[in-house]
Amino acid sequence: MSLQVFNTLSGKKETFAPLNEGEARIYVCGVTVYDSSHIGHARSLLTFDVAYRYLMFLGYRVDFVRNFTDVDDKIIQRARDERSTAEQIAGRYIEEFHGDSRALGLLPPTHEPKATEHIAEIVALIRRLEEKGAAYRVDGDVYFSVASFPGYGKLSRKNIDELEAGARVEVDERKKAPMDFALWKSSKPGEPAWDSPWGKGRPGWHIECSAMSTKYLGQPFDIHGGGRDLIFPHHENEIAQSEAAYDLPLARVWMHNGFLNINHEKMSKSLGNILSVRDILARHEPAALRHYMLSSHYRSPMDFSEQGLDEAEKAIERIIETIARFDEAAPEKATVPADPALLDDFRKEMDDDFNTPRALALIFDEVRALNRLMDEGRAAELAPRVAALKQSAATVGLLQEAPAAFLARKKERWLKAKKNISRKEIEEWIERRNQARVKKDWREADRIRAELFAKGIVLEDSSGGTIWKVR
């Protein structure tokens, strides 16, 4: 089976057939840097990080572009509110975004362009649209003429007459038609501005992505991605202006991840339920958040809850503890070829439109089977299967550090949160239990084990001695 990807443009799954053999070119709309990234952003970021990773797993050379919108009305307003500059606001939140990206374990994109660094390309694209009769000037502004592009609405499947009727409520009377949108905005006092053939101003939102995607990937390219909220008007407008300019498709496949709600309610500042990536990762492991997001298919709507994230934390720990258990039982078997049958099963699930819920189910079936076989003392024969488990988990980004390091950090986080117990006290309990076992005082040994279990500590006896874990 070949990779099948759901194309929003056609409304169906299609076999992924890149324009250049062995190469995949992807553009994903990034964040507008006026505030901290929230978990809605995280869902989109993780969706396309997994697509990026899986395409590389399949052997493609991937050119992955994700932009920053670093000039925008919201950035300008934030700068006014804080008596700062738009450049300073954007710089602060770009730096914060990079910190969140590292914490989430995102692969760095091939290119990470900023709108403000591509003004020349944006101006050149707008001039081309003027020459083609698809754009017009009004008092220093430039608008795209939707009527010049007969295919408008083909991505969102919206009826242009109905859209125009709705747009008349807040229509700019200077525009030729209600649905026409800004390509260039003339500057107002105190706003960032650049020189252009139309006077000082700044780009509209939609035009920046068309200019940057074409610069780095050419036109057409293979996949354009983003959240469902971008289908209209952002991606619809990108298609219109790019295809009007070059008479070529912008992208072959359009991928969109589903909406994310918080406890069955839409995220909004008015409800006070916007959760930042930084706040979530202060309480939970990044791998747990990734697992939680991947437990729903990327196209499906998803409801976020702390309870669900707690369950994901337990699940990811189960995977990592299984690998750590094998590594301890058979360290000499750590580097062997992966079981091809298990990797084929993983590929079959992921080839179905990046079906991560099914892939995770497969991983957990294998975790249960491996633990059962290790209980039977058969660790030495499991190396190829564990290698396949590691490769599958790593491909969806769940295994980004050594299991021992993950478990050690979990202990430290747990100890830091506890006020009534220390590492030294735990070690003293274990020593008392060891002494009781030497004296064959099994009742006392069991009492200490039970007391520690009540405090959230699990003891495991092995040939190398007793280790403790948190549950």
Protein backbone atom coordinates (compact mmCIF):
# COMPACT_ATOMS: atom_id res chain seq x y z
CA MET A 1 0.00 0.00 0.00
CA SER A 2 1.23 3.50 -0.82
CA LEU A 3 0.74 6.52 1.38
CA GLN A 4 -2.81 7.86 1.08
CA VAL A 5 -3.43 11.49 2.11
CA PHE A 6 -6.81 13.20 2.43
CA ASN A 7 -6.84 16.21 0.13
CA THR A 8 -9.19 18.98 1.27
CA LEU A 9 -9.22 20.27 -2.30
CA SER A 10 -10.65 17.07 -3.79
CA GLY A 11 -12.50 15.95 -0.66
CA LYS A 12 -11.02 12.44 -0.76
CA LYS A 13 -7.93 10.38 -0.02
CA GLU A 14 -5.34 10.31 -2.78
CA THR A 15 -2.13 8.38 -3.33
CA PHE A 16 0.77 10.63 -2.44
CA ALA A 17 2.72 11.14 -5.66
CA PRO A 18 5.31 13.91 -5.25
CA LEU A 19 6.10 16.08 -8.21
CA ASN A 20 9.81 15.17 -7.97
CA GLU A 21 10.58 11.53 -7.33
CA GLY A 22 12.04 10.88 -3.88
CA GLU A 23 11.39 14.45 -2.73
CA ALA A 24 8.52 15.91 -0.70
CA ARG A 25 7.99 19.68 -0.50
CA ILE A 26 5.71 20.94 2.30
CA TYR A 27 4.60 24.39 3.39
CA VAL A 28 2.77 24.81 6.70
CA CYS A 29 1.32 28.10 7.90
CA GLY A 30 3.04 29.08 11.13
CA VAL A 31 2.01 31.32 14.02
CA THR A 32 1.36 35.04 14.21
CA VAL A 33 3.82 36.06 16.91
CA TYR A 34 1.82 38.41 19.13
CA ASP A 35 1.31 36.03 22.09
CA SER A 36 2.36 32.69 23.56
CA SER A 37 1.64 29.53 21.59
CA HIS A 38 -1.36 27.58 22.89
CA ILE A 39 -2.36 23.94 22.65
CA GLY A 40 -4.41 24.61 19.52
CA HIS A 41 -1.13 25.59 17.88
CA ALA A 42 0.47 22.49 19.42
CA ARG A 43 -2.03 20.22 17.70
CA SER A 44 -1.21 21.64 14.27
CA LEU A 45 2.52 21.67 14.96
CA LEU A 46 2.52 18.04 16.08
CA THR A 47 0.30 16.95 13.17
CA PHE A 48 2.75 18.21 10.60
CA ASP A 49 5.82 17.20 12.60
CA VAL A 50 4.56 13.60 12.39
CA ALA A 51 3.89 13.95 8.65
CA TYR A 52 7.43 15.33 8.25
CA ARG A 53 8.93 12.45 10.26
CA TYR A 54 6.90 9.78 8.49
CA LEU A 55 7.82 11.00 5.02
CA MET A 56 11.47 10.75 6.03
CA PHE A 57 10.80 7.26 7.42
CA LEU A 58 9.51 6.35 3.96
CA GLY A 59 12.77 7.55 2.47
CA TYR A 60 11.79 10.96 1.08
CA ARG A 61 14.08 13.95 1.18
CA VAL A 62 11.75 16.48 2.76
CA ASP A 63 11.86 20.23 2.20
CA PHE A 64 9.72 21.56 5.06
CA VAL A 65 8.86 25.26 5.31
CA ARG A 66 6.98 26.85 8.22
CA ASN A 67 6.70 30.63 8.37
CA PHE A 68 6.30 33.35 10.98
CA THR A 69 3.79 36.17 10.49
CA ASP A 70 5.78 38.91 12.20
CA VAL A 71 3.85 41.97 11.04
CA ASP A 72 0.11 42.09 11.69
CA ASP A 73 -2.63 44.20 13.30
CA LYS A 74 -2.47 42.14 16.52
CA ILE A 75 1.29 42.54 16.81
CA ILE A 76 0.98 46.29 16.25
CA GLN A 77 -1.77 46.58 18.87
CA ARG A 78 0.26 44.57 21.39
CA ALA A 79 3.20 46.90 20.80
CA ARG A 80 0.96 49.92 21.46
CA ASP A 81 -0.44 48.37 24.62
CA GLU A 82 3.05 47.65 25.96
CA ARG A 83 4.65 50.84 24.62
CA SER A 84 7.04 48.70 22.65
CA THR A 85 7.69 48.10 18.96
CA ALA A 86 6.22 45.48 16.66
CA GLU A 87 9.74 44.20 16.02
CA GLN A 88 10.37 43.71 19.75
CA ILE A 89 7.03 41.96 20.28
CA ALA A 90 7.61 39.63 17.35
CA GLY A 91 11.17 38.90 18.46
CA ARG A 92 10.07 38.02 21.98
CA TYR A 93 7.41 35.56 20.87
CA ILE A 94 9.57 34.02 18.14
CA GLU A 95 12.16 33.23 20.82
CA GLU A 96 9.41 31.79 23.05
CA PHE A 97 8.06 29.74 20.15
CA HIS A 98 11.49 28.24 19.56
CA GLY A 99 11.63 27.23 23.22
CA ASP A 100 8.20 25.59 22.96
CA SER A 101 9.25 23.83 19.74
CA ARG A 102 12.31 22.34 21.40
CA ALA A 103 10.24 21.25 24.40
CA LEU A 104 7.66 19.60 22.11
CA GLY A 105 10.43 17.80 20.24
CA LEU A 106 9.58 19.30 16.86
CA LEU A 107 12.05 18.71 14.06
CA PRO A 108 13.47 22.05 12.86
CA PRO A 109 12.01 23.06 9.50
CA THR A 110 14.26 23.28 6.47
CA HIS A 111 13.33 26.97 6.21
CA GLU A 112 11.60 29.24 8.73
CA PRO A 113 10.96 32.50 6.86
CA LYS A 114 9.58 35.71 8.35
CA ALA A 115 7.21 37.95 6.43
CA THR A 116 9.26 41.09 7.17
CA GLU A 117 12.34 39.53 5.56
CA HIS A 118 10.50 38.90 2.27
CA ILE A 119 9.05 42.29 1.41
CA ALA A 120 10.83 42.30 -1.98
CA GLU A 121 9.23 38.98 -2.96
CA ILE A 122 5.83 40.15 -1.74
CA VAL A 123 6.04 43.40 -3.71
CA ALA A 124 7.13 41.51 -6.84
CA LEU A 125 4.16 39.14 -6.55
CA ILE A 126 1.69 42.01 -6.11
CA ARG A 127 3.13 43.82 -9.14
CA ARG A 128 2.73 40.62 -11.16
CA LEU A 129 -0.93 40.44 -10.09
CA GLU A 130 -1.40 44.05 -11.20
CA GLU A 131 0.12 43.25 -14.58
CA LYS A 132 -2.25 40.29 -14.96
CA GLY A 133 -5.26 42.50 -14.15
CA ALA A 134 -5.98 40.64 -10.90
CA ALA A 135 -5.13 43.50 -8.51
CA TYR A 136 -5.99 47.19 -8.31
CA ARG A 137 -4.89 50.25 -6.33
CA VAL A 138 -6.97 52.42 -4.05
CA ASP A 139 -5.36 55.33 -2.17
CA GLY A 140 -2.06 53.55 -1.47
CA ASP A 141 -3.71 50.18 -0.79
CA VAL A 142 -3.76 47.29 -3.25
CA TYR A 143 -6.62 44.76 -3.44
CA PHE A 144 -7.02 41.42 -5.12
CA SER A 145 -10.02 41.24 -7.44
CA VAL A 146 -11.84 38.01 -6.58
CA ALA A 147 -13.86 38.33 -9.80
CA SER A 148 -10.62 37.91 -11.77
CA PHE A 149 -10.25 34.34 -10.49
CA PRO A 150 -13.13 32.06 -11.59
CA GLY A 151 -12.05 29.21 -9.29
CA TYR A 152 -12.57 31.19 -6.08
CA GLY A 153 -14.23 29.00 -3.43
CA LYS A 154 -12.98 25.65 -4.76
CA LEU A 155 -11.09 24.77 -1.55
CA SER A 156 -13.74 25.78 0.98
CA ARG A 157 -16.67 24.92 -1.34
CA LYS A 158 -18.27 28.23 -0.46
CA ASN A 159 -20.68 29.94 -2.82
CA ILE A 160 -19.28 33.32 -3.81
CA ASP A 161 -22.74 34.97 -4.04
CA GLU A 162 -23.51 33.96 -0.45
CA LEU A 163 -20.08 35.12 0.69
CA GLU A 164 -20.58 38.51 -0.93
CA ALA A 165 -23.96 38.91 0.73
CA GLY A 166 -22.39 38.26 4.14
CA ALA A 167 -19.42 40.50 3.42
CA ARG A 168 -21.58 43.54 2.63
CA VAL A 169 -22.18 44.18 6.33
CA GLU A 170 -18.67 45.60 6.85
CA VAL A 171 -17.74 46.39 3.28
CA ASP A 172 -15.02 48.91 2.49
CA GLU A 173 -16.76 51.15 -0.03
CA ARG A 174 -13.46 51.75 -1.81
CA LYS A 175 -13.31 48.12 -2.96
CA LYS A 176 -14.79 47.04 -6.28
CA ALA A 177 -16.48 44.04 -4.66
CA PRO A 178 -17.16 42.96 -1.06
CA MET A 179 -14.96 39.83 -1.22
CA ASP A 180 -11.86 41.58 -2.57
CA PHE A 181 -9.02 41.41 -0.03
CA ALA A 182 -5.94 43.50 0.76
CA LEU A 183 -2.58 42.63 -0.74
CA TRP A 184 -0.85 45.80 0.47
CA LYS A 185 -1.93 48.22 3.22
CA SER A 186 -0.84 51.85 3.25
CA SER A 187 0.92 52.84 6.45
CA LYS A 188 -0.66 54.72 9.34
CA PRO A 189 1.31 56.88 11.81
CA GLY A 190 3.41 54.76 14.16
CA GLU A 191 3.02 51.52 12.20
CA PRO A 192 5.86 49.50 10.64
CA ALA A 193 6.19 50.41 6.95
CA TRP A 194 8.27 49.60 3.90
CA ASP A 195 8.77 51.40 0.60
CA SER A 196 6.77 50.11 -2.36
CA PRO A 197 5.49 51.28 -5.78
CA TRP A 198 2.25 52.24 -3.97
CA GLY A 199 3.91 54.26 -1.21
CA LYS A 200 4.91 53.24 2.30
CA GLY A 201 2.96 50.35 3.73
CA ARG A 202 2.99 46.69 4.75
CA PRO A 203 1.77 43.41 3.28
CA GLY A 204 -1.63 41.89 3.83
CA TRP A 205 -1.77 38.56 5.66
CA HIS A 206 -2.55 36.24 2.74
CA ILE A 207 0.06 37.46 0.27
CA GLU A 208 3.04 36.70 2.53
CA CYS A 209 2.46 32.93 2.46
CA SER A 210 2.09 32.88 -1.32
CA ALA A 211 5.36 34.78 -1.74
CA MET A 212 7.34 32.71 0.76
CA SER A 213 6.05 29.27 -0.26
CA THR A 214 6.82 29.94 -3.92
CA LYS A 215 10.28 31.29 -3.12
CA TYR A 216 11.39 28.23 -1.17
CA LEU A 217 9.39 25.44 -2.83
CA GLY A 218 8.47 26.65 -6.29
CA GLN A 219 4.97 26.38 -7.69
CA PRO A 220 3.34 23.94 -7.54
CA PHE A 221 4.65 22.04 -4.51
CA ASP A 222 3.44 18.84 -2.87
CA ILE A 223 1.59 19.61 0.38
CA HIS A 224 0.21 22.78 1.93
CA GLY A 225 -0.89 22.39 5.55
CA GLY A 226 -2.55 24.17 8.43
CA GLY A 227 -5.55 24.12 10.75
CA ARG A 228 -9.14 23.90 9.50
CA ASP A 229 -9.67 27.50 10.58
CA LEU A 230 -7.31 28.55 7.77
CA ILE A 231 -9.28 26.97 4.92
CA PHE A 232 -11.32 30.15 4.56
CA PRO A 233 -10.36 32.82 3.93
CA HIS A 234 -6.59 32.39 4.27
CA HIS A 235 -5.93 29.33 2.11
CA GLU A 236 -8.71 30.18 -0.32
CA ASN A 237 -7.09 33.56 -0.86
CA GLU A 238 -3.62 32.03 -1.20
CA ILE A 239 -4.89 29.81 -4.00
CA ALA A 240 -6.58 32.71 -5.76
CA GLN A 241 -3.61 35.09 -5.76
CA SER A 242 -0.93 32.43 -6.45
CA GLU A 243 -2.79 30.73 -9.27
CA ALA A 244 -3.88 34.05 -10.78
CA ALA A 245 -0.24 35.13 -10.81
CA TYR A 246 1.30 32.02 -12.36
CA ASP A 247 -1.55 30.09 -14.00
CA LEU A 248 -0.39 26.99 -12.10
CA PRO A 249 -1.75 25.16 -9.04
CA LEU A 250 -0.23 26.39 -5.79
CA ALA A 251 -0.11 22.98 -4.08
CA ARG A 252 -1.16 19.50 -5.11
CA VAL A 253 -2.46 18.38 -1.69
CA TRP A 254 -4.09 20.50 1.02
CA MET A 255 -3.96 18.99 4.54
CA HIS A 256 -5.91 20.44 7.46
CA ASN A 257 -6.01 19.33 11.09
CA GLY A 258 -9.27 19.43 13.04
CA PHE A 259 -10.36 21.88 15.71
CA LEU A 260 -9.39 21.55 19.37
CA ASN A 261 -11.89 22.36 22.14
CA ILE A 262 -11.29 22.60 25.90
CA ASN A 263 -13.70 20.51 27.97
CA HIS A 264 -16.27 20.68 25.14
CA GLU A 265 -15.96 24.46 24.75
CA LYS A 266 -14.22 26.48 22.05
CA MET A 267 -10.96 28.08 23.16
CA SER A 268 -11.39 31.81 23.63
CA LYS A 269 -9.99 34.63 25.72
CA SER A 270 -13.51 35.58 26.82
CA LEU A 271 -13.96 32.13 28.40
CA GLY A 272 -10.48 32.24 29.89
CA ASN A 273 -9.74 28.70 28.72
CA ILE A 274 -6.73 29.27 26.47
CA LEU A 275 -3.95 26.98 27.68
CA SER A 276 -0.42 27.86 26.67
CA VAL A 277 2.06 25.20 25.59
CA ARG A 278 4.45 26.46 28.25
CA ASP A 279 1.93 26.05 31.09
CA ILE A 280 0.94 22.54 29.98
CA LEU A 281 4.56 21.40 29.72
CA ALA A 282 5.28 22.74 33.20
CA ARG A 283 2.89 20.06 34.51
CA HIS A 284 3.26 17.25 31.96
CA GLU A 285 5.89 15.45 29.94
CA PRO A 286 6.17 16.67 26.31
CA ALA A 287 5.93 13.07 25.10
CA ALA A 288 2.63 12.73 26.98
CA LEU A 289 1.16 15.77 25.23
CA ARG A 290 2.35 14.40 21.89
CA HIS A 291 0.82 10.99 22.63
CA TYR A 292 -2.45 12.63 23.67
CA MET A 293 -2.68 14.69 20.50
CA LEU A 294 -1.85 11.69 18.30
CA SER A 295 -4.49 9.52 19.96
CA SER A 296 -7.09 11.29 17.79
CA HIS A 297 -6.83 11.32 14.02
CA TYR A 298 -5.47 14.66 12.90
CA ARG A 299 -8.56 15.49 10.80
CA SER A 300 -11.03 14.79 13.62
CA PRO A 301 -12.19 17.41 16.10
CA MET A 302 -10.63 16.85 19.50
CA ASP A 303 -11.62 17.74 23.04
CA PHE A 304 -8.77 18.49 25.43
CA SER A 305 -8.90 17.68 29.12
CA GLU A 306 -6.28 17.39 31.87
CA GLN A 307 -7.70 13.97 32.73
CA GLY A 308 -7.04 12.75 29.19
CA LEU A 309 -3.51 14.12 29.38
CA ASP A 310 -2.94 12.31 32.69
CA GLU A 311 -3.94 9.05 31.01
CA ALA A 312 -1.58 9.79 28.13
CA GLU A 313 1.22 10.31 30.64
CA LYS A 314 0.68 6.80 31.98
CA ALA A 315 0.59 5.39 28.46
CA ILE A 316 3.87 6.95 27.38
CA GLU A 317 5.53 5.79 30.58
CA ARG A 318 4.38 2.25 29.83
CA ILE A 319 6.10 2.35 26.43
CA ILE A 320 9.32 3.76 27.84
CA GLU A 321 9.39 1.42 30.85
CA THR A 322 9.01 -1.58 28.51
CA ILE A 323 12.00 -0.49 26.43
CA ALA A 324 14.03 0.25 29.58
CA ARG A 325 13.14 -3.18 30.94
CA PHE A 326 14.45 -4.87 27.80
CA ASP A 327 17.60 -2.72 27.69
CA GLU A 328 18.38 -3.77 31.25
CA ALA A 329 17.57 -7.46 30.66
CA ALA A 330 19.49 -7.83 27.38
CA PRO A 331 21.92 -4.91 26.94
CA GLU A 332 24.03 -6.89 24.49
CA LYS A 333 21.03 -7.09 22.12
CA ALA A 334 20.44 -3.33 21.96
CA THR A 335 21.50 -2.85 18.31
CA VAL A 336 19.99 -5.36 15.91
CA PRO A 337 17.91 -4.98 12.73
CA ALA A 338 14.22 -4.27 13.36
CA ASP A 339 11.60 -6.94 12.77
CA PRO A 340 10.37 -6.13 9.21
CA ALA A 341 6.92 -7.64 9.80
CA LEU A 342 6.21 -5.26 12.68
CA LEU A 343 7.46 -2.27 10.71
CA ASP A 344 5.24 -3.32 7.79
CA ASP A 345 2.23 -3.34 10.14
CA PHE A 346 3.19 0.13 11.40
CA ARG A 347 3.59 1.38 7.83
CA LYS A 348 0.19 -0.02 6.85
CA GLU A 349 -1.52 2.05 9.55
CA MET A 350 0.42 5.24 8.89
CA ASP A 351 -0.05 4.92 5.13
CA ASP A 352 -3.77 5.40 5.76
CA ASP A 353 -3.64 9.21 5.95
CA PHE A 354 -1.16 9.29 8.86
CA ASN A 355 -3.48 7.21 11.05
CA THR A 356 -1.69 7.73 14.37
CA PRO A 357 -4.49 6.31 16.60
CA ARG A 358 -4.17 2.96 14.81
CA ALA A 359 -0.37 3.16 14.90
CA LEU A 360 -0.46 3.83 18.65
CA ALA A 361 -2.81 0.88 19.15
CA LEU A 362 -0.31 -1.30 17.30
CA ILE A 363 2.53 -0.01 19.48
CA PHE A 364 0.58 -0.82 22.65
CA ASP A 365 -0.32 -4.29 21.46
CA GLU A 366 3.39 -4.89 21.03
CA VAL A 367 4.20 -3.40 24.45
CA ARG A 368 1.77 -5.84 26.10
CA ALA A 369 3.19 -8.78 24.14
CA LEU A 370 6.80 -7.90 24.94
CA ASN A 371 6.11 -7.57 28.67
CA ARG A 372 4.36 -10.93 28.69
CA LEU A 373 7.31 -12.57 26.94
CA MET A 374 9.83 -10.89 29.25
CA ASP A 375 7.81 -12.19 32.21
CA GLU A 376 8.47 -15.65 30.75
CA GLY A 377 12.21 -14.96 30.67
CA ARG A 378 12.48 -14.68 26.89
CA ALA A 379 14.06 -11.22 26.65
CA ALA A 380 17.10 -12.43 24.69
CA GLU A 381 14.98 -13.43 21.67
CA LEU A 382 13.00 -10.17 21.51
CA ALA A 383 15.67 -7.81 20.20
CA PRO A 384 14.29 -7.44 16.63
CA ARG A 385 10.80 -6.76 17.95
CA VAL A 386 12.05 -4.18 20.44
CA ALA A 387 14.06 -2.53 17.66
CA ALA A 388 10.86 -2.27 15.60
CA LEU A 389 9.00 -0.85 18.60
CA LYS A 390 11.72 1.77 19.10
CA GLN A 391 11.70 2.75 15.43
CA SER A 392 7.91 3.02 15.29
CA ALA A 393 7.74 5.10 18.47
CA ALA A 394 10.58 7.32 17.28
CA THR A 395 8.90 7.88 13.89
CA VAL A 396 5.90 9.51 15.57
CA GLY A 397 8.24 11.40 17.91
CA LEU A 398 7.53 9.52 21.14
CA LEU A 399 11.10 8.42 21.82
CA GLN A 400 13.37 11.45 21.82
CA GLU A 401 15.59 10.59 24.77
CA ALA A 402 17.05 7.48 26.33
CA PRO A 403 14.45 5.62 28.44
CA ALA A 404 16.73 5.73 31.49
CA ALA A 405 17.03 9.52 31.19
CA PHE A 406 13.24 9.90 30.84
CA LEU A 407 12.57 7.76 33.92
CA ALA A 408 15.22 9.56 35.96
CA ARG A 409 13.66 12.92 35.07
CA LYS A 410 10.24 11.58 36.01
CA LYS A 411 11.60 10.69 39.44
CA GLU A 412 13.08 14.16 39.88
CA ARG A 413 9.83 15.83 38.88
CA TRP A 414 7.90 13.61 41.28
CA LEU A 415 10.32 14.28 44.16
CA LYS A 416 10.19 18.01 43.51
CA ALA A 417 6.40 17.95 43.76
CA LYS A 418 6.44 15.98 47.03
CA LYS A 419 6.98 17.77 50.34
CA ASN A 420 6.79 14.77 52.67
CA ILE A 421 9.45 12.46 51.23
CA SER A 422 13.00 12.70 49.92
CA ARG A 423 15.30 10.53 47.86
CA LYS A 424 17.42 9.88 50.96
CA GLU A 425 14.40 8.62 52.91
CA ILE A 426 13.41 6.29 50.06
CA GLU A 427 16.91 4.84 49.93
CA GLU A 428 16.86 4.33 53.71
CA TRP A 429 13.56 2.44 53.46
CA ILE A 430 14.98 0.23 50.71
CA GLU A 431 18.05 -0.50 52.83
CA ARG A 432 15.87 -1.46 55.83
CA ARG A 433 13.86 -3.72 53.56
CA ASN A 434 17.05 -5.31 52.20
CA GLN A 435 18.18 -6.03 55.75
CA ALA A 436 14.80 -7.57 56.56
CA ARG A 437 15.07 -9.81 53.50
CA VAL A 438 18.56 -10.94 54.55
CA LYS A 439 17.09 -11.90 57.94
CA LYS A 440 14.15 -13.57 56.10
CA ASP A 441 11.76 -11.24 57.91
CA TRP A 442 9.32 -11.32 55.01
CA ARG A 443 6.53 -9.66 56.98
CA GLU A 444 8.67 -6.56 57.60
CA ALA A 445 9.91 -6.55 53.99
CA ASP A 446 6.34 -6.69 52.71
CA ARG A 447 5.26 -3.97 55.16
CA ILE A 448 7.94 -1.59 53.87
CA ARG A 449 7.01 -2.35 50.25
CA ALA A 450 3.32 -1.68 51.01
CA GLU A 451 4.13 1.55 52.87
CA LEU A 452 6.16 2.86 49.95
CA PHE A 453 3.47 1.80 47.48
CA ALA A 454 0.93 3.86 49.45
CA LYS A 455 3.24 6.85 48.98
CA GLY A 456 3.31 6.27 45.20
CA ILE A 457 6.56 4.28 45.00
CA VAL A 458 6.91 0.86 43.36
CA LEU A 459 9.84 -1.39 44.25
CA GLU A 460 11.24 -3.85 41.72
CA ASP A 461 13.73 -6.54 42.69
CA SER A 462 16.22 -7.72 40.07
CA SER A 463 19.58 -9.46 39.89
CA GLY A 464 21.20 -6.03 40.03
CA GLY A 465 19.39 -5.08 43.26
CA THR A 466 16.20 -3.22 44.14
CA ILE A 467 15.12 -0.19 42.09
CA TRP A 468 12.27 2.18 42.76
CA LYS A 469 9.84 3.84 40.37
CA VAL A 470 6.96 6.23 40.82
CA ARG A 471 3.49 5.16 39.77
